[in-house]
Amino acid sequence: MPNVRIRGHDIEVDVRTELEAHDFERPRWTGDKLIACSPFRSESAPSFFVNLDGEYAGTWGDSGAYDSEWASGNLTKLLAFLRGETYEETEEYLLDLYAPQVLTDDAKDFRIPSLNTRKVERRNAESPKRYSALWAWVTRKRIGRLRYLGAMLTVA
């Protein structure tokens, strides 16, 4: 099986088997290439190819593409389109099928960053003047928290 690069890892993927699971219009399978009509648009003459083996295995090209985004790409991009998934979902699928150890290794390297918390000072009677009358009332009534006009006041 040829190597395909997925998330920085060279993974042995059976490109032919992955593509045979999908229907192509007027396909012609050769030893190292699939030639067919483009799966991205309707056409009568084949203008699409996928390299099945060798250094460029999994890469594809579409000579009749209207958009440069879909003129060429890699196996993951093609399978994402054919499977109706996102690029990341297709990467997960391929890694899970052909190299599950990569997913577990990536999970081991994943660390949740620590949160930086800062101490919030309590407001006191020297709050801005617009809250001074409210602050006096809150302290007198011994109300713990009061949301008033979008401001949070805390009684000490």
N, C-alpha and C. Protein backbone atom coordinates (compact mmCIF):
# COMPACT_ATOMS: atom_id res chain seq x y z
N MET A 1 0.85 -1.19 0.00
CA MET A 1 0.00 0.00 0.00
C MET A 1 0.89 1.24 0.00
N PRO A 2 0.47 2.24 -0.74
CA PRO A 2 1.25 3.48 -0.79
C PRO A 2 1.05 4.33 0.47
N ASN A 3 2.00 5.21 0.71
CA ASN A 3 1.93 6.14 1.84
C ASN A 3 1.19 7.41 1.45
N VAL A 4 0.33 7.86 2.35
CA VAL A 4 -0.40 9.12 2.18
C VAL A 4 -0.13 9.94 3.43
N ARG A 5 0.12 11.23 3.26
CA ARG A 5 0.43 12.09 4.41
C ARG A 5 -0.86 12.62 5.02
N ILE A 6 -1.06 12.30 6.32
CA ILE A 6 -2.24 12.75 7.05
C ILE A 6 -1.78 13.32 8.38
N ARG A 7 -2.09 14.57 8.64
CA ARG A 7 -1.70 15.26 9.87
C ARG A 7 -0.21 15.12 10.18
N GLY A 8 0.60 15.22 9.15
CA GLY A 8 2.04 15.17 9.34
C GLY A 8 2.61 13.77 9.48
N HIS A 9 1.78 12.74 9.33
CA HIS A 9 2.23 11.36 9.43
C HIS A 9 2.09 10.68 8.08
N ASP A 10 3.09 9.89 7.70
CA ASP A 10 2.99 9.08 6.49
C ASP A 10 2.29 7.77 6.84
N ILE A 11 1.10 7.58 6.32
CA ILE A 11 0.26 6.44 6.65
C ILE A 11 0.06 5.60 5.39
N GLU A 12 0.17 4.28 5.54
CA GLU A 12 -0.12 3.37 4.42
C GLU A 12 -1.64 3.26 4.27
N VAL A 13 -2.14 3.73 3.14
CA VAL A 13 -3.58 3.74 2.88
C VAL A 13 -3.83 2.99 1.57
N ASP A 14 -4.85 2.16 1.55
CA ASP A 14 -5.25 1.47 0.33
C ASP A 14 -6.13 2.41 -0.48
N VAL A 15 -5.49 3.22 -1.29
CA VAL A 15 -6.17 4.27 -2.05
C VAL A 15 -7.22 3.67 -2.98
N ARG A 16 -6.85 2.61 -3.69
CA ARG A 16 -7.78 1.99 -4.63
C ARG A 16 -9.06 1.51 -3.94
N THR A 17 -8.92 0.83 -2.81
CA THR A 17 -10.09 0.33 -2.08
C THR A 17 -10.97 1.48 -1.60
N GLU A 18 -10.36 2.54 -1.11
CA GLU A 18 -11.14 3.71 -0.66
C GLU A 18 -11.94 4.32 -1.80
N LEU A 19 -11.35 4.37 -3.00
CA LEU A 19 -12.04 4.97 -4.14
C LEU A 19 -13.07 4.04 -4.75
N GLU A 20 -12.82 2.73 -4.70
CA GLU A 20 -13.78 1.77 -5.27
C GLU A 20 -15.10 1.77 -4.51
N ALA A 21 -15.12 2.28 -3.30
CA ALA A 21 -16.35 2.36 -2.51
C ALA A 21 -17.29 3.43 -3.05
N HIS A 22 -16.84 4.23 -4.00
CA HIS A 22 -17.64 5.33 -4.55
C HIS A 22 -17.83 5.13 -6.05
N ASP A 23 -18.96 5.61 -6.55
CA ASP A 23 -19.27 5.48 -7.98
C ASP A 23 -18.69 6.66 -8.75
N PHE A 24 -17.98 6.35 -9.81
CA PHE A 24 -17.44 7.36 -10.71
C PHE A 24 -18.07 7.16 -12.07
N GLU A 25 -18.29 8.24 -12.78
CA GLU A 25 -18.83 8.20 -14.13
C GLU A 25 -17.71 7.86 -15.12
N ARG A 26 -17.92 6.83 -15.91
CA ARG A 26 -16.96 6.38 -16.94
C ARG A 26 -15.56 6.14 -16.36
N PRO A 27 -15.44 5.31 -15.33
CA PRO A 27 -14.11 5.07 -14.75
C PRO A 27 -13.26 4.15 -15.61
N ARG A 28 -11.95 4.43 -15.60
CA ARG A 28 -10.97 3.54 -16.24
C ARG A 28 -9.85 3.36 -15.23
N TRP A 29 -9.73 2.15 -14.73
CA TRP A 29 -8.72 1.83 -13.72
C TRP A 29 -7.49 1.28 -14.42
N THR A 30 -6.36 1.92 -14.24
CA THR A 30 -5.09 1.40 -14.74
C THR A 30 -4.28 0.96 -13.53
N GLY A 31 -3.08 0.50 -13.75
CA GLY A 31 -2.25 0.02 -12.65
C GLY A 31 -1.99 1.07 -11.59
N ASP A 32 -1.77 2.30 -12.00
CA ASP A 32 -1.40 3.33 -11.02
C ASP A 32 -2.28 4.58 -11.07
N LYS A 33 -3.41 4.51 -11.80
CA LYS A 33 -4.23 5.71 -11.95
C LYS A 33 -5.70 5.36 -12.19
N LEU A 34 -6.56 6.22 -11.67
CA LEU A 34 -7.99 6.17 -12.00
C LEU A 34 -8.27 7.39 -12.86
N ILE A 35 -8.88 7.15 -14.01
CA ILE A 35 -9.29 8.24 -14.89
C ILE A 35 -10.81 8.14 -15.03
N ALA A 36 -11.50 9.25 -14.80
CA ALA A 36 -12.96 9.24 -14.85
C ALA A 36 -13.48 10.65 -15.08
N CYS A 37 -14.81 10.75 -15.20
CA CYS A 37 -15.44 12.07 -15.25
C CYS A 37 -15.35 12.67 -13.85
N SER A 38 -15.30 13.97 -13.79
CA SER A 38 -15.14 14.67 -12.52
C SER A 38 -16.34 14.42 -11.59
N PRO A 39 -16.06 14.11 -10.32
CA PRO A 39 -17.16 13.95 -9.36
C PRO A 39 -17.72 15.29 -8.88
N PHE A 40 -17.06 16.39 -9.27
CA PHE A 40 -17.44 17.72 -8.79
C PHE A 40 -18.46 18.42 -9.69
N ARG A 41 -18.65 17.90 -10.88
CA ARG A 41 -19.60 18.52 -11.82
C ARG A 41 -19.98 17.47 -12.86
N SER A 42 -21.02 17.72 -13.62
CA SER A 42 -21.40 16.75 -14.66
C SER A 42 -20.64 17.07 -15.94
N GLU A 43 -20.17 16.02 -16.58
CA GLU A 43 -19.43 16.16 -17.84
C GLU A 43 -19.54 14.85 -18.61
N SER A 44 -19.25 14.89 -19.90
CA SER A 44 -19.38 13.69 -20.72
C SER A 44 -18.04 13.03 -21.00
N ALA A 45 -16.96 13.79 -20.98
CA ALA A 45 -15.64 13.23 -21.26
C ALA A 45 -14.79 13.27 -19.99
N PRO A 46 -14.10 12.19 -19.68
CA PRO A 46 -13.27 12.15 -18.47
C PRO A 46 -12.17 13.22 -18.48
N SER A 47 -12.09 13.96 -17.38
CA SER A 47 -11.05 14.98 -17.24
C SER A 47 -10.45 14.93 -15.84
N PHE A 48 -10.74 13.88 -15.11
CA PHE A 48 -10.36 13.76 -13.71
C PHE A 48 -9.47 12.53 -13.55
N PHE A 49 -8.43 12.64 -12.72
CA PHE A 49 -7.57 11.49 -12.46
C PHE A 49 -7.15 11.47 -10.99
N VAL A 50 -6.86 10.28 -10.50
CA VAL A 50 -6.33 10.09 -9.15
C VAL A 50 -5.13 9.15 -9.26
N ASN A 51 -4.00 9.53 -8.68
CA ASN A 51 -2.83 8.66 -8.63
C ASN A 51 -3.07 7.61 -7.55
N LEU A 52 -2.95 6.32 -7.92
CA LEU A 52 -3.22 5.24 -6.99
C LEU A 52 -1.96 4.71 -6.31
N ASP A 53 -0.81 4.96 -6.88
CA ASP A 53 0.42 4.38 -6.35
C ASP A 53 1.58 5.34 -6.58
N GLY A 54 2.67 5.05 -5.93
CA GLY A 54 3.88 5.84 -6.13
C GLY A 54 3.99 7.01 -5.17
N GLU A 55 4.91 7.90 -5.50
CA GLU A 55 5.19 9.06 -4.64
C GLU A 55 3.99 9.99 -4.49
N TYR A 56 3.17 10.09 -5.52
CA TYR A 56 2.03 11.01 -5.50
C TYR A 56 0.70 10.28 -5.27
N ALA A 57 0.72 9.14 -4.62
CA ALA A 57 -0.49 8.35 -4.37
C ALA A 57 -1.51 9.19 -3.61
N GLY A 58 -2.75 9.14 -4.07
CA GLY A 58 -3.83 9.87 -3.42
C GLY A 58 -4.03 11.27 -3.95
N THR A 59 -3.09 11.80 -4.70
CA THR A 59 -3.28 13.14 -5.26
C THR A 59 -4.15 13.03 -6.50
N TRP A 60 -4.89 14.07 -6.77
CA TRP A 60 -5.79 14.06 -7.90
C TRP A 60 -5.76 15.40 -8.62
N GLY A 61 -6.26 15.39 -9.85
CA GLY A 61 -6.34 16.61 -10.65
C GLY A 61 -7.59 16.58 -11.51
N ASP A 62 -8.09 17.74 -11.81
CA ASP A 62 -9.29 17.88 -12.64
C ASP A 62 -9.00 18.98 -13.66
N SER A 63 -8.71 18.56 -14.90
CA SER A 63 -8.31 19.54 -15.91
C SER A 63 -9.46 20.43 -16.37
N GLY A 64 -10.69 20.05 -16.11
CA GLY A 64 -11.83 20.86 -16.52
C GLY A 64 -12.44 21.66 -15.39
N ALA A 65 -11.73 21.80 -14.31
CA ALA A 65 -12.28 22.50 -13.13
C ALA A 65 -12.53 23.97 -13.43
N TYR A 66 -13.65 24.48 -12.92
CA TYR A 66 -13.98 25.89 -13.07
C TYR A 66 -13.34 26.72 -11.95
N ASP A 67 -13.14 26.07 -10.82
CA ASP A 67 -12.63 26.74 -9.62
C ASP A 67 -11.27 26.14 -9.27
N SER A 68 -10.27 26.99 -9.02
CA SER A 68 -8.93 26.49 -8.71
C SER A 68 -8.91 25.69 -7.41
N GLU A 69 -9.88 25.92 -6.53
CA GLU A 69 -9.98 25.16 -5.27
C GLU A 69 -10.20 23.68 -5.54
N TRP A 70 -10.90 23.36 -6.64
CA TRP A 70 -11.23 21.98 -6.97
C TRP A 70 -10.50 21.49 -8.21
N ALA A 71 -9.37 22.10 -8.55
CA ALA A 71 -8.57 21.66 -9.69
C ALA A 71 -7.61 20.54 -9.31
N SER A 72 -7.21 20.48 -8.04
CA SER A 72 -6.32 19.42 -7.58
C SER A 72 -6.38 19.34 -6.06
N GLY A 73 -5.86 18.23 -5.53
CA GLY A 73 -5.88 18.09 -4.08
C GLY A 73 -5.34 16.74 -3.64
N ASN A 74 -5.57 16.43 -2.37
CA ASN A 74 -5.07 15.16 -1.83
C ASN A 74 -6.24 14.21 -1.58
N LEU A 75 -5.90 12.99 -1.16
CA LEU A 75 -6.90 11.95 -0.95
C LEU A 75 -7.94 12.36 0.10
N THR A 76 -7.49 12.98 1.17
CA THR A 76 -8.40 13.36 2.25
C THR A 76 -9.46 14.34 1.74
N LYS A 77 -9.06 15.30 0.96
CA LYS A 77 -10.00 16.29 0.41
C LYS A 77 -11.01 15.62 -0.51
N LEU A 78 -10.54 14.71 -1.37
CA LEU A 78 -11.43 14.01 -2.29
C LEU A 78 -12.43 13.13 -1.52
N LEU A 79 -11.93 12.35 -0.57
CA LEU A 79 -12.82 11.48 0.20
C LEU A 79 -13.81 12.28 1.04
N ALA A 80 -13.38 13.43 1.56
CA ALA A 80 -14.30 14.28 2.32
C ALA A 80 -15.47 14.70 1.44
N PHE A 81 -15.17 15.06 0.21
CA PHE A 81 -16.24 15.45 -0.73
C PHE A 81 -17.14 14.25 -1.04
N LEU A 82 -16.54 13.12 -1.37
CA LEU A 82 -17.30 11.94 -1.75
C LEU A 82 -18.14 11.38 -0.60
N ARG A 83 -17.62 11.48 0.61
CA ARG A 83 -18.33 10.96 1.79
C ARG A 83 -19.28 11.98 2.41
N GLY A 84 -19.21 13.24 1.96
CA GLY A 84 -20.08 14.28 2.51
C GLY A 84 -19.71 14.65 3.92
N GLU A 85 -18.40 14.70 4.20
CA GLU A 85 -17.90 15.00 5.54
C GLU A 85 -16.98 16.20 5.48
N THR A 86 -16.56 16.66 6.67
CA THR A 86 -15.54 17.69 6.72
C THR A 86 -14.17 17.05 6.51
N TYR A 87 -13.20 17.86 6.22
CA TYR A 87 -11.83 17.38 6.03
C TYR A 87 -11.33 16.68 7.30
N GLU A 88 -11.61 17.28 8.45
CA GLU A 88 -11.15 16.73 9.73
C GLU A 88 -11.82 15.39 10.04
N GLU A 89 -13.10 15.26 9.72
CA GLU A 89 -13.79 13.98 9.94
C GLU A 89 -13.19 12.88 9.08
N THR A 90 -12.83 13.20 7.85
CA THR A 90 -12.22 12.21 6.97
C THR A 90 -10.82 11.85 7.45
N GLU A 91 -10.07 12.82 7.96
CA GLU A 91 -8.77 12.51 8.56
C GLU A 91 -8.94 11.52 9.71
N GLU A 92 -9.92 11.77 10.57
CA GLU A 92 -10.20 10.87 11.70
C GLU A 92 -10.53 9.47 11.19
N TYR A 93 -11.37 9.39 10.16
CA TYR A 93 -11.75 8.10 9.58
C TYR A 93 -10.53 7.34 9.08
N LEU A 94 -9.69 8.00 8.29
CA LEU A 94 -8.51 7.34 7.72
C LEU A 94 -7.52 6.93 8.81
N LEU A 95 -7.29 7.81 9.77
CA LEU A 95 -6.37 7.47 10.85
C LEU A 95 -6.92 6.34 11.70
N ASP A 96 -8.20 6.35 11.97
CA ASP A 96 -8.80 5.29 12.78
C ASP A 96 -8.70 3.94 12.07
N LEU A 97 -8.87 3.94 10.74
CA LEU A 97 -8.85 2.70 9.97
C LEU A 97 -7.44 2.19 9.71
N TYR A 98 -6.52 3.09 9.35
CA TYR A 98 -5.19 2.67 8.90
C TYR A 98 -4.08 2.88 9.93
N ALA A 99 -4.27 3.76 10.89
CA ALA A 99 -3.21 4.03 11.87
C ALA A 99 -3.81 4.48 13.19
N PRO A 100 -4.52 3.60 13.90
CA PRO A 100 -5.16 4.02 15.15
C PRO A 100 -4.16 4.45 16.22
N GLN A 101 -2.92 3.97 16.13
CA GLN A 101 -1.91 4.37 17.13
C GLN A 101 -1.60 5.86 17.03
N VAL A 102 -1.76 6.45 15.86
CA VAL A 102 -1.51 7.89 15.70
C VAL A 102 -2.53 8.68 16.51
N LEU A 103 -3.80 8.25 16.49
CA LEU A 103 -4.83 8.96 17.26
C LEU A 103 -4.55 8.87 18.75
N THR A 104 -4.13 7.72 19.23
CA THR A 104 -3.84 7.59 20.67
C THR A 104 -2.59 8.37 21.03
N ASP A 105 -1.59 8.39 20.14
CA ASP A 105 -0.38 9.19 20.40
C ASP A 105 -0.71 10.66 20.44
N ASP A 106 -1.58 11.12 19.51
CA ASP A 106 -1.98 12.53 19.50
C ASP A 106 -2.75 12.89 20.77
N ALA A 107 -3.57 11.94 21.25
CA ALA A 107 -4.34 12.20 22.47
C ALA A 107 -3.42 12.32 23.67
N LYS A 108 -2.33 11.56 23.69
CA LYS A 108 -1.38 11.65 24.80
C LYS A 108 -0.67 13.00 24.80
N ASP A 109 -0.42 13.55 23.61
CA ASP A 109 0.27 14.83 23.50
C ASP A 109 -0.64 16.01 23.79
N PHE A 110 -1.95 15.78 23.80
CA PHE A 110 -2.91 16.86 24.02
C PHE A 110 -2.94 17.24 25.50
N ARG A 111 -2.75 18.49 25.76
CA ARG A 111 -2.82 18.98 27.13
C ARG A 111 -3.76 20.17 27.20
N ILE A 112 -4.55 20.18 28.23
CA ILE A 112 -5.46 21.30 28.43
C ILE A 112 -4.66 22.42 29.07
N PRO A 113 -4.65 23.58 28.47
CA PRO A 113 -3.88 24.69 29.04
C PRO A 113 -4.47 25.13 30.38
N SER A 114 -3.58 25.53 31.27
CA SER A 114 -4.07 25.99 32.57
C SER A 114 -4.67 27.38 32.40
N LEU A 115 -5.70 27.61 33.17
CA LEU A 115 -6.38 28.90 33.09
C LEU A 115 -5.72 29.88 34.04
N ASN A 116 -5.50 31.06 33.56
CA ASN A 116 -4.98 32.11 34.42
C ASN A 116 -6.17 32.83 35.04
N THR A 117 -6.27 32.73 36.33
CA THR A 117 -7.36 33.42 37.00
C THR A 117 -6.79 34.63 37.72
N ARG A 118 -7.53 35.66 37.73
CA ARG A 118 -7.08 36.85 38.44
C ARG A 118 -8.08 37.13 39.55
N LYS A 119 -7.56 37.64 40.60
CA LYS A 119 -8.39 37.92 41.76
C LYS A 119 -9.20 39.19 41.48
N VAL A 120 -10.48 39.07 41.68
CA VAL A 120 -11.36 40.22 41.47
C VAL A 120 -11.55 40.90 42.82
N GLU A 121 -11.25 42.17 42.85
CA GLU A 121 -11.41 42.92 44.10
C GLU A 121 -12.87 43.23 44.33
N ARG A 122 -13.27 43.17 45.57
CA ARG A 122 -14.64 43.51 45.90
C ARG A 122 -14.81 45.02 45.86
N ARG A 123 -15.96 45.38 45.41
CA ARG A 123 -16.24 46.81 45.38
C ARG A 123 -16.71 47.23 46.76
N ASN A 124 -16.39 48.41 47.12
CA ASN A 124 -16.82 48.91 48.43
C ASN A 124 -17.61 50.20 48.27
N ALA A 125 -17.80 50.90 49.34
CA ALA A 125 -18.62 52.12 49.32
C ALA A 125 -18.02 53.20 48.45
N GLU A 126 -16.78 53.03 48.00
CA GLU A 126 -16.17 54.03 47.15
C GLU A 126 -16.37 53.70 45.68
N SER A 127 -17.45 53.00 45.39
CA SER A 127 -17.80 52.70 44.01
C SER A 127 -18.11 54.00 43.30
N PRO A 128 -18.24 53.98 42.00
CA PRO A 128 -18.56 55.23 41.29
C PRO A 128 -19.81 55.88 41.85
N LYS A 129 -19.86 57.19 41.71
CA LYS A 129 -20.94 57.98 42.31
C LYS A 129 -22.32 57.51 41.85
N ARG A 130 -22.45 57.05 40.65
CA ARG A 130 -23.77 56.69 40.17
C ARG A 130 -24.34 55.50 40.92
N TYR A 131 -23.50 54.75 41.62
CA TYR A 131 -23.97 53.62 42.39
C TYR A 131 -23.98 53.88 43.90
N SER A 132 -23.56 55.06 44.33
CA SER A 132 -23.40 55.29 45.76
C SER A 132 -24.72 55.18 46.53
N ALA A 133 -25.81 55.70 45.99
CA ALA A 133 -27.10 55.60 46.68
C ALA A 133 -27.57 54.16 46.70
N LEU A 134 -27.39 53.47 45.61
CA LEU A 134 -27.76 52.06 45.53
C LEU A 134 -26.90 51.24 46.49
N TRP A 135 -25.62 51.56 46.55
CA TRP A 135 -24.71 50.84 47.44
C TRP A 135 -25.13 50.99 48.91
N ALA A 136 -25.53 52.17 49.28
CA ALA A 136 -25.98 52.42 50.65
C ALA A 136 -27.23 51.58 50.94
N TRP A 137 -28.15 51.53 50.02
CA TRP A 137 -29.36 50.74 50.20
C TRP A 137 -29.05 49.24 50.32
N VAL A 138 -28.14 48.74 49.42
CA VAL A 138 -27.75 47.33 49.43
C VAL A 138 -27.10 46.97 50.75
N THR A 139 -26.22 47.82 51.27
CA THR A 139 -25.55 47.53 52.55
C THR A 139 -26.54 47.55 53.71
N ARG A 140 -27.46 48.47 53.66
CA ARG A 140 -28.45 48.55 54.73
C ARG A 140 -29.33 47.30 54.74
N LYS A 141 -29.73 46.82 53.57
CA LYS A 141 -30.62 45.68 53.47
C LYS A 141 -29.86 44.35 53.58
N ARG A 142 -28.54 44.41 53.58
CA ARG A 142 -27.67 43.22 53.65
C ARG A 142 -27.98 42.21 52.53
N ILE A 143 -28.11 42.73 51.35
CA ILE A 143 -28.33 41.89 50.17
C ILE A 143 -26.96 41.46 49.66
N GLY A 144 -26.79 40.16 49.47
CA GLY A 144 -25.48 39.64 49.05
C GLY A 144 -25.10 40.09 47.65
N ARG A 145 -25.94 39.86 46.67
CA ARG A 145 -25.62 40.25 45.30
C ARG A 145 -26.86 40.87 44.67
N LEU A 146 -26.64 41.87 43.89
CA LEU A 146 -27.76 42.54 43.24
C LEU A 146 -27.32 42.94 41.84
N ARG A 147 -28.09 42.55 40.87
CA ARG A 147 -27.76 42.94 39.50
C ARG A 147 -28.66 44.13 39.16
N TYR A 148 -28.05 45.26 38.97
CA TYR A 148 -28.81 46.47 38.73
C TYR A 148 -28.15 47.24 37.60
N LEU A 149 -28.89 47.47 36.54
CA LEU A 149 -28.39 48.20 35.37
C LEU A 149 -27.10 47.59 34.84
N GLY A 150 -27.02 46.26 34.85
CA GLY A 150 -25.86 45.58 34.29
C GLY A 150 -24.65 45.56 35.17
N ALA A 151 -24.72 46.07 36.39
CA ALA A 151 -23.56 46.09 37.28
C ALA A 151 -23.76 45.06 38.37
N MET A 152 -22.71 44.36 38.77
CA MET A 152 -22.78 43.39 39.85
C MET A 152 -22.10 44.01 41.05
N LEU A 153 -22.84 44.10 42.13
CA LEU A 153 -22.30 44.67 43.36
C LEU A 153 -22.26 43.58 44.41
N THR A 154 -21.21 43.46 45.15
CA THR A 154 -21.09 42.43 46.16
C THR A 154 -20.87 43.10 47.50
N VAL A 155 -21.64 42.67 48.51
CA VAL A 155 -21.52 43.22 49.84
C VAL A 155 -20.47 42.43 50.58
N ALA A 156 -19.58 43.15 51.26
CA ALA A 156 -18.50 42.48 51.99
C ALA A 156 -19.02 41.88 53.27
